[in-house]
């Protein structure tokens, strides 16, 4: 059976892993909605690069902390390209500190963006996917989800929750041709990690280097492909051997 007509939506796609993922999905033939929160120029550059390579893309701005963001993003994507059949929940936030230093705002803000927003977007996309009997949801988690990382209690909690959500939703919808998976990157060179000391963690990584956004995007693109139709409820760790 051929792939249904539809589109991909990638959150947090104005740079880093999200931008690389948007480009990879466009290469795979998907029209792509490139979500941004505060960097329209970056999102515009991603759209231009996709269109320059012969693909189709639009940039859509939204604050994912707003309960209305899901309908706005899906409505915009559907108006241009049809139903969202690939959702990549990539947008993320960090507010690091030891647990006694994390205030309520830093706790709830990270949980809201990294977990609650991902759930709202997942909930919104499922009905069209179930009707089409095809769907791919890929959540960008972290190696911090299943293991300790001092100074990131809020971030770790959000990513652990995202992994739990991934597995549960996967078994709920598996019979209808919808897969739900997660990738768990280790240290990756992106804007989210730009404030970390250069080379500080290389000794902890058997590959002796951080990953690239393109390496993570390649894994996401596989999980979004037709070839990955029997992969669901899985967490693909991409960390240069750090968790081995």
Protein backbone atom coordinates (compact mmCIF):
# COMPACT_ATOMS: atom_id res chain seq x y z
CA UNK A 1 0.00 0.00 0.00
CA UNK A 2 1.36 3.41 -0.93
CA UNK A 3 1.95 6.06 1.68
CA UNK A 4 -1.09 8.33 2.24
CA UNK A 5 -0.91 11.97 1.23
CA UNK A 6 -0.03 14.20 4.14
CA UNK A 7 2.67 16.25 5.79
CA UNK A 8 5.25 16.30 8.55
CA UNK A 9 5.32 18.75 11.45
CA UNK A 10 8.57 19.29 13.32
CA UNK A 11 8.54 21.42 16.47
CA UNK A 12 11.52 23.53 17.46
CA UNK A 13 12.77 23.36 13.88
CA UNK A 14 14.44 26.75 13.41
CA UNK A 15 17.85 25.25 14.25
CA UNK A 16 19.75 22.26 15.60
CA UNK A 17 18.14 18.82 15.59
CA UNK A 18 14.77 20.19 14.49
CA UNK A 19 16.17 21.96 11.43
CA UNK A 20 18.19 18.91 10.41
CA UNK A 21 15.11 16.72 10.87
CA UNK A 22 12.93 19.01 8.76
CA UNK A 23 15.47 18.80 5.95
CA UNK A 24 15.78 15.01 6.25
CA UNK A 25 12.01 14.53 6.10
CA UNK A 26 11.79 16.82 3.08
CA UNK A 27 14.40 14.68 1.34
CA UNK A 28 12.18 11.67 2.13
CA UNK A 29 9.37 13.38 0.23
CA UNK A 30 7.29 14.93 2.99
CA UNK A 31 6.01 18.50 2.83
CA UNK A 32 7.22 19.93 6.14
CA UNK A 33 5.81 22.45 8.59
CA UNK A 34 8.76 24.09 10.34
CA UNK A 35 7.69 25.25 13.78
CA UNK A 36 9.46 28.06 15.63
CA UNK A 37 8.80 29.96 18.82
CA UNK A 38 11.14 32.96 18.71
CA UNK A 39 13.38 32.60 15.66
CA UNK A 40 11.41 33.32 12.48
CA UNK A 41 14.61 34.07 10.57
CA UNK A 42 16.06 30.66 11.39
CA UNK A 43 12.83 28.92 10.41
CA UNK A 44 12.75 30.92 7.20
CA UNK A 45 16.25 29.77 6.34
CA UNK A 46 15.22 26.16 6.87
CA UNK A 47 12.22 26.63 4.58
CA UNK A 48 14.40 28.26 1.93
CA UNK A 49 16.91 25.41 2.05
CA UNK A 50 14.15 22.83 1.65
CA UNK A 51 12.52 24.69 -1.23
CA UNK A 52 15.91 25.26 -2.84
CA UNK A 53 16.40 21.50 -2.91
CA UNK A 54 13.02 20.98 -4.56
CA UNK A 55 10.93 20.28 -1.47
CA UNK A 56 7.92 22.00 0.07
CA UNK A 57 7.86 23.69 3.45
CA UNK A 58 6.23 26.43 5.48
CA UNK A 59 7.25 28.16 8.71
CA UNK A 60 4.69 28.33 11.50
CA UNK A 61 5.19 30.26 14.73
CA UNK A 62 3.58 29.25 18.02
CA UNK A 63 4.25 29.25 21.74
CA UNK A 64 3.83 25.59 22.64
CA UNK A 65 3.10 26.48 26.25
CA UNK A 66 -0.28 27.82 25.06
CA UNK A 67 -3.10 25.26 24.98
CA UNK A 68 -4.20 26.76 21.65
CA UNK A 69 -0.87 26.10 19.94
CA UNK A 70 -1.74 22.56 18.83
CA UNK A 71 -4.84 23.62 16.91
CA UNK A 72 -3.02 26.60 15.41
CA UNK A 73 -0.09 24.51 14.19
CA UNK A 74 -2.18 21.67 12.85
CA UNK A 75 -4.65 24.04 11.24
CA UNK A 76 -1.87 25.88 9.44
CA UNK A 77 -0.26 22.67 8.27
CA UNK A 78 -3.54 21.14 7.13
CA UNK A 79 -4.48 24.27 5.17
CA UNK A 80 -1.24 24.06 3.18
CA UNK A 81 -0.44 20.37 2.92
CA UNK A 82 -3.23 18.21 4.30
CA UNK A 83 -3.22 16.05 7.44
CA UNK A 84 -0.15 15.70 9.62
CA UNK A 85 0.98 12.09 9.31
CA UNK A 86 4.45 12.59 10.78
CA UNK A 87 4.89 14.48 14.05
CA UNK A 88 8.31 15.09 15.56
CA UNK A 89 8.11 16.49 19.08
CA UNK A 90 11.54 18.08 19.21
CA UNK A 91 11.03 21.44 20.93
CA UNK A 92 12.74 21.51 24.31
CA UNK A 93 13.80 23.76 27.15
CA UNK A 94 16.48 23.59 29.84
CA UNK A 95 16.67 25.44 33.15
CA UNK A 96 19.47 23.69 34.99
CA UNK A 97 20.27 23.84 38.68
CA UNK A 98 20.65 21.58 41.67
CA UNK A 99 17.30 20.56 43.09
CA UNK A 100 17.31 23.07 46.01
CA UNK A 101 17.88 25.85 43.45
CA UNK A 102 15.10 24.97 40.98
CA UNK A 103 12.13 27.20 41.67
CA UNK A 104 8.54 26.45 40.68
CA UNK A 105 8.83 28.47 37.49
CA UNK A 106 11.90 26.60 36.26
CA UNK A 107 10.31 23.28 37.16
CA UNK A 108 6.92 23.88 35.55
CA UNK A 109 8.35 25.69 32.52
CA UNK A 110 10.54 22.77 31.52
CA UNK A 111 7.76 20.23 32.13
CA UNK A 112 5.29 22.36 30.16
CA UNK A 113 7.43 22.63 27.03
CA UNK A 114 9.12 19.24 27.05
CA UNK A 115 6.22 17.04 28.15
CA UNK A 116 2.82 18.73 28.32
CA UNK A 117 3.12 20.36 24.91
CA UNK A 118 4.28 17.08 23.37
CA UNK A 119 1.20 15.37 24.76
CA UNK A 120 -1.17 18.02 23.43
CA UNK A 121 0.36 17.79 19.96
CA UNK A 122 0.26 13.99 20.07
CA UNK A 123 -3.39 14.01 21.12
CA UNK A 124 -4.25 16.40 18.29
CA UNK A 125 -2.58 14.34 15.58
CA UNK A 126 -3.88 10.90 16.49
CA UNK A 127 -7.40 11.05 15.03
CA UNK A 128 -6.22 11.95 11.49
CA UNK A 129 -3.49 9.31 11.71
CA UNK A 130 -5.94 6.66 12.89
CA UNK A 131 -8.35 7.52 10.07
CA UNK A 132 -5.51 7.25 7.55
CA UNK A 133 -4.25 4.03 9.17
CA UNK A 134 -0.80 5.53 8.92
CA UNK A 135 1.14 7.73 11.28
CA UNK A 136 4.58 8.31 12.70
CA UNK A 137 5.21 10.09 15.98
CA UNK A 138 8.81 10.53 17.06
CA UNK A 139 9.58 12.14 20.40
CA UNK A 140 13.01 13.60 21.04
CA UNK A 141 13.85 12.45 24.56
CA UNK A 142 17.34 12.29 26.07
CA UNK A 143 19.78 9.90 27.70
CA UNK A 144 19.08 11.99 30.80
CA UNK A 145 15.57 10.46 30.94
CA UNK A 146 16.58 6.97 32.12
CA UNK A 147 19.77 7.95 33.99
CA UNK A 148 20.83 10.50 36.58
CA UNK A 149 22.40 13.81 35.61
CA UNK A 150 22.94 16.12 38.61
CA UNK A 151 21.60 19.61 38.02
CA UNK A 152 18.81 18.54 35.67
CA UNK A 153 16.01 17.16 37.85
CA UNK A 154 13.38 19.08 35.88
CA UNK A 155 14.81 18.17 32.48
CA UNK A 156 15.30 14.51 33.44
CA UNK A 157 11.74 14.30 34.77
CA UNK A 158 10.34 15.75 31.56
CA UNK A 159 12.31 13.36 29.36
CA UNK A 160 11.52 10.32 31.51
CA UNK A 161 7.86 11.28 31.28
CA UNK A 162 8.18 11.62 27.51
CA UNK A 163 9.59 8.10 27.27
CA UNK A 164 6.74 6.73 29.38
CA UNK A 165 4.20 8.54 27.23
CA UNK A 166 5.86 7.20 24.08
CA UNK A 167 5.56 3.59 25.17
CA UNK A 168 1.98 3.91 26.39
CA UNK A 169 0.59 5.70 23.35
CA UNK A 170 2.45 3.24 21.11
CA UNK A 171 0.56 0.24 22.45
CA UNK A 172 -2.74 2.11 22.28
CA UNK A 173 -2.52 2.76 18.54
CA UNK A 174 -0.32 -0.02 17.17
CA UNK A 175 -3.22 -1.91 15.55
CA UNK A 176 -4.05 1.06 13.31
CA UNK A 177 -0.73 1.49 11.53
CA UNK A 178 0.50 4.30 13.78
CA UNK A 179 3.93 4.00 15.38
CA UNK A 180 5.21 6.01 18.32
CA UNK A 181 8.91 5.99 19.13
CA UNK A 182 11.55 8.13 20.79
CA UNK A 183 15.15 8.95 20.15
CA UNK A 184 17.36 9.61 23.16
CA UNK A 185 20.34 11.72 22.11
CA UNK A 186 23.41 12.10 24.24
CA UNK A 187 25.56 15.20 23.96
CA UNK A 188 24.83 16.88 20.61
CA UNK A 189 26.28 20.13 19.29
CA UNK A 190 23.25 22.44 19.15
CA UNK A 191 22.19 25.80 20.53
CA UNK A 192 20.69 24.02 23.54
CA UNK A 193 24.14 22.80 24.59
CA UNK A 194 26.17 25.81 23.46
CA UNK A 195 26.69 26.97 27.06
CA UNK A 196 28.41 23.73 28.10
CA UNK A 197 32.23 23.76 28.37
CA UNK A 198 33.94 22.67 25.14
CA UNK A 199 35.16 19.07 25.42
CA UNK A 200 34.03 18.78 29.03
CA UNK A 201 32.24 15.46 28.48
CA UNK A 202 34.40 13.87 25.81
CA UNK A 203 36.05 11.48 28.28
CA UNK A 204 32.60 10.10 29.18
CA UNK A 205 31.77 9.38 25.52
CA UNK A 206 33.43 6.31 23.98
CA UNK A 207 33.22 7.96 20.54
CA UNK A 208 35.25 10.86 22.05
CA UNK A 209 33.09 13.54 20.46
CA UNK A 210 29.61 15.01 20.64
CA UNK A 211 27.04 14.00 18.07
CA UNK A 212 25.75 16.16 15.25
CA UNK A 213 22.20 17.27 14.57
CA UNK A 214 22.31 15.43 11.24
CA UNK A 215 23.16 12.13 12.95
CA UNK A 216 20.11 12.44 15.19
CA UNK A 217 17.93 13.54 12.27
CA UNK A 218 18.91 10.43 10.29
CA UNK A 219 17.59 8.24 13.10
CA UNK A 220 14.37 10.23 13.32
CA UNK A 221 13.89 10.00 9.55
CA UNK A 222 14.23 6.21 9.74
CA UNK A 223 11.62 5.96 12.49
CA UNK A 224 9.31 8.11 10.35
CA UNK A 225 9.78 5.90 7.30
CA UNK A 226 7.62 3.10 5.90
CA UNK A 227 10.53 0.72 6.51
CA UNK A 228 10.12 1.27 10.26
CA UNK A 229 6.49 0.14 10.30
CA UNK A 230 7.23 -2.69 12.77
CA UNK A 231 9.18 -0.49 15.17
CA UNK A 232 6.98 1.03 17.86
CA UNK A 233 7.25 1.78 21.56
CA UNK A 234 11.03 1.86 21.21
CA UNK A 235 13.65 4.28 22.46
CA UNK A 236 16.64 4.60 20.13
CA UNK A 237 19.67 5.78 22.08
CA UNK A 238 22.08 7.87 20.00
CA UNK A 239 24.95 8.83 22.28
CA UNK A 240 28.27 7.59 20.92
CA UNK A 241 28.28 4.68 23.34
CA UNK A 242 27.89 6.74 26.51
CA UNK A 243 25.07 4.53 27.85
CA UNK A 244 26.66 1.22 26.87
